[in-house]
C-alpha atoms as a PDB file:
ATOM      1  CA  UNK A   1      92.665 -58.635 367.580  1.00  0.00           C
ATOM      2  CA  UNK A   2      89.747 -56.930 365.255  1.00  0.00           C
ATOM      3  CA  UNK A   3      88.859 -53.287 366.039  1.00  0.00           C
ATOM      4  CA  UNK A   4      85.653 -53.031 367.829  1.00  0.00           C
ATOM      5  CA  UNK A   5      82.350 -51.140 366.139  1.00  0.00           C
ATOM      6  CA  UNK A   6      83.068 -48.131 368.066  1.00  0.00           C
ATOM      7  CA  UNK A   7      87.012 -47.733 367.573  1.00  0.00           C
ATOM      8  CA  UNK A   8      86.057 -48.185 364.048  1.00  0.00           C
ATOM      9  CA  UNK A   9      83.045 -45.333 364.395  1.00  0.00           C
ATOM     10  CA  UNK A  10      85.587 -43.031 365.828  1.00  0.00           C
ATOM     11  CA  UNK A  11      88.224 -43.678 363.001  1.00  0.00           C
ATOM     12  CA  UNK A  12      85.673 -43.060 360.161  1.00  0.00           C
ATOM     13  CA  UNK A  13      84.620 -39.876 362.388  1.00  0.00           C
ATOM     14  CA  UNK A  14      88.304 -38.437 362.499  1.00  0.00           C
ATOM     15  CA  UNK A  15      88.612 -39.563 358.631  1.00  0.00           C
ATOM     16  CA  UNK A  16      85.501 -37.629 357.753  1.00  0.00           C
ATOM     17  CA  UNK A  17      86.601 -34.526 359.879  1.00  0.00           C
ATOM     18  CA  UNK A  18      89.917 -34.788 358.301  1.00  0.00           C
ATOM     19  CA  UNK A  19      88.206 -34.694 354.608  1.00  0.00           C
ATOM     20  CA  UNK A  20      86.291 -31.464 355.744  1.00  0.00           C
ATOM     21  CA  UNK A  21      89.161 -29.655 356.744  1.00  0.00           C
ATOM     22  CA  UNK A  22      91.090 -30.519 353.610  1.00  0.00           C
ATOM     23  CA  UNK A  23      88.307 -29.294 351.519  1.00  0.00           C
ATOM     24  CA  UNK A  24      87.825 -26.187 353.343  1.00  0.00           C
ATOM     25  CA  UNK A  25      91.437 -25.391 353.267  1.00  0.00           C
ATOM     26  CA  UNK A  26      91.348 -26.035 349.464  1.00  0.00           C
ATOM     27  CA  UNK A  27      88.145 -24.106 349.003  1.00  0.00           C
ATOM     28  CA  UNK A  28      89.461 -21.041 350.705  1.00  0.00           C
ATOM     29  CA  UNK A  29      92.877 -21.229 349.114  1.00  0.00           C
ATOM     30  CA  UNK A  30      90.821 -21.013 345.522  1.00  0.00           C
ATOM     31  CA  UNK A  31      88.754 -18.070 346.717  1.00  0.00           C
ATOM     32  CA  UNK A  32      92.051 -16.219 347.927  1.00  0.00           C
ATOM     33  CA  UNK A  33      93.283 -16.625 344.263  1.00  0.00           C
ATOM     34  CA  UNK A  34      90.724 -14.693 343.080  1.00  0.00           C
ATOM     35  CA  UNK A  35      91.295 -11.496 345.276  1.00  0.00           C
ATOM     36  CA  UNK A  36      93.385  -8.841 343.813  1.00  0.00           C
ATOM     37  CA  UNK A  37      96.779  -7.924 345.488  1.00  0.00           C
ATOM     38  CA  UNK A  38      97.494  -4.878 343.813  1.00  0.00           C
ATOM     39  CA  UNK A  39      94.932  -2.643 341.369  1.00  0.00           C
ATOM     40  CA  UNK A  40      96.076  -0.175 338.675  1.00  0.00           C
ATOM     41  CA  UNK A  41      92.933   2.244 338.158  1.00  0.00           C
ATOM     42  CA  UNK A  42      94.837   3.641 335.215  1.00  0.00           C
ATOM     43  CA  UNK A  43      94.583   0.271 333.221  1.00  0.00           C
ATOM     44  CA  UNK A  44      90.826  -0.272 334.255  1.00  0.00           C
ATOM     45  CA  UNK A  45      89.397   2.672 332.555  1.00  0.00           C
ATOM     46  CA  UNK A  46      87.737   3.237 329.478  1.00  0.00           C
ATOM     47  CA  UNK A  47      84.480   1.152 328.167  1.00  0.00           C
ATOM     48  CA  UNK A  48      83.529  -1.923 329.341  1.00  0.00           C
ATOM     49  CA  UNK A  49      80.760  -4.142 327.845  1.00  0.00           C
ATOM     50  CA  UNK A  50      78.143  -6.120 330.426  1.00  0.00           C
ATOM     51  CA  UNK A  51      78.277  -9.505 329.275  1.00  0.00           C
ATOM     52  CA  UNK A  52      76.304 -11.201 332.143  1.00  0.00           C
ATOM     53  CA  UNK A  53      75.252 -10.878 335.783  1.00  0.00           C
ATOM     54  CA  UNK A  54      74.552 -12.956 338.528  1.00  0.00           C
ATOM     55  CA  UNK A  55      71.646 -11.418 341.105  1.00  0.00           C
ATOM     56  CA  UNK A  56      69.839 -12.968 343.969  1.00  0.00           C
ATOM     57  CA  UNK A  57      66.871 -10.705 343.514  1.00  0.00           C
ATOM     58  CA  UNK A  58      64.125 -12.436 341.448  1.00  0.00           C
ATOM     59  CA  UNK A  59      65.842 -13.529 338.337  1.00  0.00           C
ATOM     60  CA  UNK A  60      63.276 -15.803 337.335  1.00  0.00           C
ATOM     61  CA  UNK A  61      61.228 -13.245 335.545  1.00  0.00           C
ATOM     62  CA  UNK A  62      64.626 -11.976 334.075  1.00  0.00           C
ATOM     63  CA  UNK A  63      65.697 -15.433 332.717  1.00  0.00           C
ATOM     64  CA  UNK A  64      62.673 -15.278 330.524  1.00  0.00           C
ATOM     65  CA  UNK A  65      62.845 -11.778 329.051  1.00  0.00           C
ATOM     66  CA  UNK A  66      65.782 -10.899 326.987  1.00  0.00           C
ATOM     67  CA  UNK A  67      68.266  -8.791 328.498  1.00  0.00           C
ATOM     68  CA  UNK A  68      70.078  -6.334 326.439  1.00  0.00           C
ATOM     69  CA  UNK A  69      73.981  -5.640 326.811  1.00  0.00           C
ATOM     70  CA  UNK A  70      74.912  -3.360 329.760  1.00  0.00           C
ATOM     71  CA  UNK A  71      77.947  -0.811 329.450  1.00  0.00           C
ATOM     72  CA  UNK A  72      80.013   1.468 331.743  1.00  0.00           C
ATOM     73  CA  UNK A  73      82.542   3.879 331.232  1.00  0.00           C
ATOM     74  CA  UNK A  74      85.338   4.471 333.688  1.00  0.00           C
ATOM     75  CA  UNK A  75      87.386   7.990 333.941  1.00  0.00           C
ATOM     76  CA  UNK A  76      89.197   9.627 336.566  1.00  0.00           C
ATOM     77  CA  UNK A  77      87.769  13.595 337.008  1.00  0.00           C
ATOM     78  CA  UNK A  78      89.716  15.345 339.627  1.00  0.00           C
ATOM     79  CA  UNK A  79      90.977  12.537 341.454  1.00  0.00           C
ATOM     80  CA  UNK A  80      87.764  10.906 341.562  1.00  0.00           C
ATOM     81  CA  UNK A  81      86.400   8.148 339.849  1.00  0.00           C
ATOM     82  CA  UNK A  82      83.365   8.629 337.277  1.00  0.00           C
ATOM     83  CA  UNK A  83      81.165   5.956 336.519  1.00  0.00           C
ATOM     84  CA  UNK A  84      78.672   6.464 333.763  1.00  0.00           C
ATOM     85  CA  UNK A  85      76.626   3.089 333.232  1.00  0.00           C
ATOM     86  CA  UNK A  86      74.132   1.706 330.681  1.00  0.00           C
ATOM     87  CA  UNK A  87      71.416  -1.084 331.502  1.00  0.00           C
ATOM     88  CA  UNK A  88      68.206  -2.400 330.690  1.00  0.00           C
ATOM     89  CA  UNK A  89      65.072  -1.971 333.297  1.00  0.00           C
ATOM     90  CA  UNK A  90      62.575  -4.362 331.814  1.00  0.00           C
ATOM     91  CA  UNK A  91      61.406  -2.198 329.196  1.00  0.00           C
ATOM     92  CA  UNK A  92      63.845   0.525 328.598  1.00  0.00           C
ATOM     93  CA  UNK A  93      67.484   1.616 328.880  1.00  0.00           C
ATOM     94  CA  UNK A  94      68.783   3.453 332.263  1.00  0.00           C
ATOM     95  CA  UNK A  95      71.895   5.562 331.905  1.00  0.00           C
ATOM     96  CA  UNK A  96      72.986   6.584 335.550  1.00  0.00           C
ATOM     97  CA  UNK A  97      76.391   8.768 336.218  1.00  0.00           C
ATOM     98  CA  UNK A  98      78.183   7.893 340.013  1.00  0.00           C
ATOM     99  CA  UNK A  99      80.982   8.924 341.499  1.00  0.00           C
ATOM    100  CA  UNK A 100      83.290   6.435 343.539  1.00  0.00           C
ATOM    101  CA  UNK A 101      86.282   6.570 346.132  1.00  0.00           C
ATOM    102  CA  UNK A 102      88.686   3.794 346.660  1.00  0.00           C
ATOM    103  CA  UNK A 103      87.470   2.020 349.890  1.00  0.00           C
ATOM    104  CA  UNK A 104      90.271  -0.168 352.519  1.00  0.00           C
ATOM    105  CA  UNK A 105      91.728  -2.586 349.857  1.00  0.00           C
ATOM    106  CA  UNK A 106      92.787  -2.805 346.186  1.00  0.00           C
ATOM    107  CA  UNK A 107      89.896  -2.611 343.442  1.00  0.00           C
ATOM    108  CA  UNK A 108      87.235  -1.831 346.484  1.00  0.00           C
ATOM    109  CA  UNK A 109      85.343   1.130 345.688  1.00  0.00           C
ATOM    110  CA  UNK A 110      82.162   3.059 347.272  1.00  0.00           C
ATOM    111  CA  UNK A 111      79.894   4.314 344.614  1.00  0.00           C
ATOM    112  CA  UNK A 112      77.443   6.704 345.354  1.00  0.00           C
ATOM    113  CA  UNK A 113      74.512   7.426 343.529  1.00  0.00           C
ATOM    114  CA  UNK A 114      71.365   9.339 343.927  1.00  0.00           C
ATOM    115  CA  UNK A 115      69.567   6.150 344.534  1.00  0.00           C
ATOM    116  CA  UNK A 116      72.036   5.386 347.491  1.00  0.00           C
ATOM    117  CA  UNK A 117      75.556   3.885 348.064  1.00  0.00           C
ATOM    118  CA  UNK A 118      76.769   0.622 346.915  1.00  0.00           C
ATOM    119  CA  UNK A 119      80.128  -1.438 347.649  1.00  0.00           C
ATOM    120  CA  UNK A 120      81.871  -2.507 344.256  1.00  0.00           C
ATOM    121  CA  UNK A 121      85.141  -5.136 344.124  1.00  0.00           C
ATOM    122  CA  UNK A 122      87.068  -5.813 341.309  1.00  0.00           C
ATOM    123  CA  UNK A 123      87.012  -9.431 341.732  1.00  0.00           C
ATOM    124  CA  UNK A 124      89.186 -10.572 338.843  1.00  0.00           C
ATOM    125  CA  UNK A 125      90.653  -8.622 335.765  1.00  0.00           C
ATOM    126  CA  UNK A 126      93.219  -8.900 333.620  1.00  0.00           C
ATOM    127  CA  UNK A 127      92.672  -5.112 331.978  1.00  0.00           C
ATOM    128  CA  UNK A 128      92.324  -5.698 328.191  1.00  0.00           C
ATOM    129  CA  UNK A 129      89.594  -8.376 328.191  1.00  0.00           C
ATOM    130  CA  UNK A 130      87.619  -8.706 331.324  1.00  0.00           C
ATOM    131  CA  UNK A 131      86.939  -7.884 334.694  1.00  0.00           C
ATOM    132  CA  UNK A 132      84.371  -9.813 337.062  1.00  0.00           C
ATOM    133  CA  UNK A 133      82.868  -7.386 339.782  1.00  0.00           C
ATOM    134  CA  UNK A 134      81.014  -8.188 343.149  1.00  0.00           C
ATOM    135  CA  UNK A 135      78.447  -5.526 344.172  1.00  0.00           C
ATOM    136  CA  UNK A 136      76.842  -5.441 347.468  1.00  0.00           C
ATOM    137  CA  UNK A 137      74.209  -2.362 348.520  1.00  0.00           C
ATOM    138  CA  UNK A 138      71.719  -2.241 351.069  1.00  0.00           C
ATOM    139  CA  UNK A 139      67.883  -2.852 350.013  1.00  0.00           C
ATOM    140  CA  UNK A 140      65.334  -2.382 352.466  1.00  0.00           C
ATOM    141  CA  UNK A 141      67.347  -3.338 355.533  1.00  0.00           C
ATOM    142  CA  UNK A 142      68.810  -6.237 353.594  1.00  0.00           C
ATOM    143  CA  UNK A 143      71.950  -6.717 351.652  1.00  0.00           C
ATOM    144  CA  UNK A 144      71.588  -7.097 347.963  1.00  0.00           C
ATOM    145  CA  UNK A 145      74.617  -8.886 346.274  1.00  0.00           C
ATOM    146  CA  UNK A 146      75.260  -9.109 342.451  1.00  0.00           C
ATOM    147  CA  UNK A 147      78.117 -10.026 340.450  1.00  0.00           C
ATOM    148  CA  UNK A 148      79.032  -8.513 336.811  1.00  0.00           C
ATOM    149  CA  UNK A 149      80.777  -9.985 334.078  1.00  0.00           C
ATOM    150  CA  UNK A 150      82.315  -7.117 332.242  1.00  0.00           C
ATOM    151  CA  UNK A 151      84.224  -7.402 328.862  1.00  0.00           C
ATOM    152  CA  UNK A 152      86.232  -5.139 326.674  1.00  0.00           C
ATOM    153  CA  UNK A 153      84.983  -6.378 323.714  1.00  0.00           C
ATOM    154  CA  UNK A 154      81.851  -7.968 322.104  1.00  0.00           C
ATOM    155  CA  UNK A 155      83.697 -11.129 321.393  1.00  0.00           C
ATOM    156  CA  UNK A 156      82.519 -14.321 322.324  1.00  0.00           C
ATOM    157  CA  UNK A 157      84.538 -15.793 325.300  1.00  0.00           C
ATOM    158  CA  UNK A 158      83.739 -19.043 326.876  1.00  0.00           C
ATOM    159  CA  UNK A 159      86.510 -19.294 329.099  1.00  0.00           C
ATOM    160  CA  UNK A 160      85.809 -16.191 330.642  1.00  0.00           C
ATOM    161  CA  UNK A 161      82.434 -16.660 330.822  1.00  0.00           C
ATOM    162  CA  UNK A 162      82.965 -20.162 332.490  1.00  0.00           C
ATOM    163  CA  UNK A 163      85.227 -18.208 335.245  1.00  0.00           C
ATOM    164  CA  UNK A 164      82.528 -15.747 335.796  1.00  0.00           C
ATOM    165  CA  UNK A 165      79.701 -18.593 336.192  1.00  0.00           C
ATOM    166  CA  UNK A 166      82.543 -20.946 338.634  1.00  0.00           C
ATOM    167  CA  UNK A 167      82.878 -17.360 340.601  1.00  0.00           C
ATOM    168  CA  UNK A 168      79.305 -16.875 341.143  1.00  0.00           C
ATOM    169  CA  UNK A 169      78.526 -20.322 342.133  1.00  0.00           C
ATOM    170  CA  UNK A 170      81.180 -20.249 344.592  1.00  0.00           C
ATOM    171  CA  UNK A 171      80.165 -16.929 346.025  1.00  0.00           C
ATOM    172  CA  UNK A 172      76.684 -18.714 346.888  1.00  0.00           C
ATOM    173  CA  UNK A 173      74.278 -17.735 343.433  1.00  0.00           C
ATOM    174  CA  UNK A 174      72.784 -20.595 341.530  1.00  0.00           C
ATOM    175  CA  UNK A 175      72.650 -21.562 337.921  1.00  0.00           C
ATOM    176  CA  UNK A 176      69.251 -19.866 338.075  1.00  0.00           C
ATOM    177  CA  UNK A 177      70.734 -16.656 339.152  1.00  0.00           C
ATOM    178  CA  UNK A 178      73.118 -16.150 336.482  1.00  0.00           C
ATOM    179  CA  UNK A 179      71.805 -14.644 333.362  1.00  0.00           C
ATOM    180  CA  UNK A 180      73.854 -14.072 330.451  1.00  0.00           C
ATOM    181  CA  UNK A 181      72.733 -10.702 328.154  1.00  0.00           C
ATOM    182  CA  UNK A 182      71.506 -10.766 324.653  1.00  0.00           C
ATOM    183  CA  UNK A 183      73.411  -9.323 322.038  1.00  0.00           C
ATOM    184  CA  UNK A 184      71.453  -6.248 321.728  1.00  0.00           C
ATOM    185  CA  UNK A 185      73.033  -2.806 321.521  1.00  0.00           C
ATOM    186  CA  UNK A 186      70.611  -0.721 322.090  1.00  0.00           C
ATOM    187  CA  UNK A 187      71.544   0.288 326.088  1.00  0.00           C
ATOM    188  CA  UNK A 188      75.090   0.626 324.586  1.00  0.00           C
ATOM    189  CA  UNK A 189      74.391   3.075 321.793  1.00  0.00           C
ATOM    190  CA  UNK A 190      72.512   5.209 324.472  1.00  0.00           C
ATOM    191  CA  UNK A 191      75.386   5.158 326.645  1.00  0.00           C
ATOM    192  CA  UNK A 192      77.921   5.954 323.503  1.00  0.00           C
ATOM    193  CA  UNK A 193      75.314   8.673 322.113  1.00  0.00           C
ATOM    194  CA  UNK A 194      75.615  10.287 325.417  1.00  0.00           C
ATOM    195  CA  UNK A 195      79.312  10.344 325.493  1.00  0.00           C
ATOM    196  CA  UNK A 196      79.746  12.637 322.048  1.00  0.00           C
END
């Protein structure tokens, strides 16, 4: 006896459904591997260079402009995390100081600035060479989201950049949302001159 069209259609539907479940479980386990189980703030302290970022806020114009390297220093001051960041804001470097407190998960912090608060999560780090950070903040009643790749050195590391790009794509960003900063130390020097 040969299977009917309806029977074959039913089998195909269950096969596709099973494939979807397997893919979803696989994707979920991949993303779980990127979450930090433990986070050692003392190993994270110091200077970090902002090598690349992903943002859904009008990166089209940014892709055609040269973005200078940003930087961040992370220090402990009276049991609070003190962040000093320098970044390029279209035509000049901006240096900002902010405080951060530990949130509800390891590697997750609430950062308070004059311009507003942000939730910052360390998605992946090996402490010595790189850190991938996920940032969310409310902007005009919508959640603004960005990811940043920080490195301890200015050396090129295609493997780490590739990991950052993969994580950004897995988290809803597109390739056009990802910007690699130009190797221009203007903002880094501005930050370091303020630390002297």
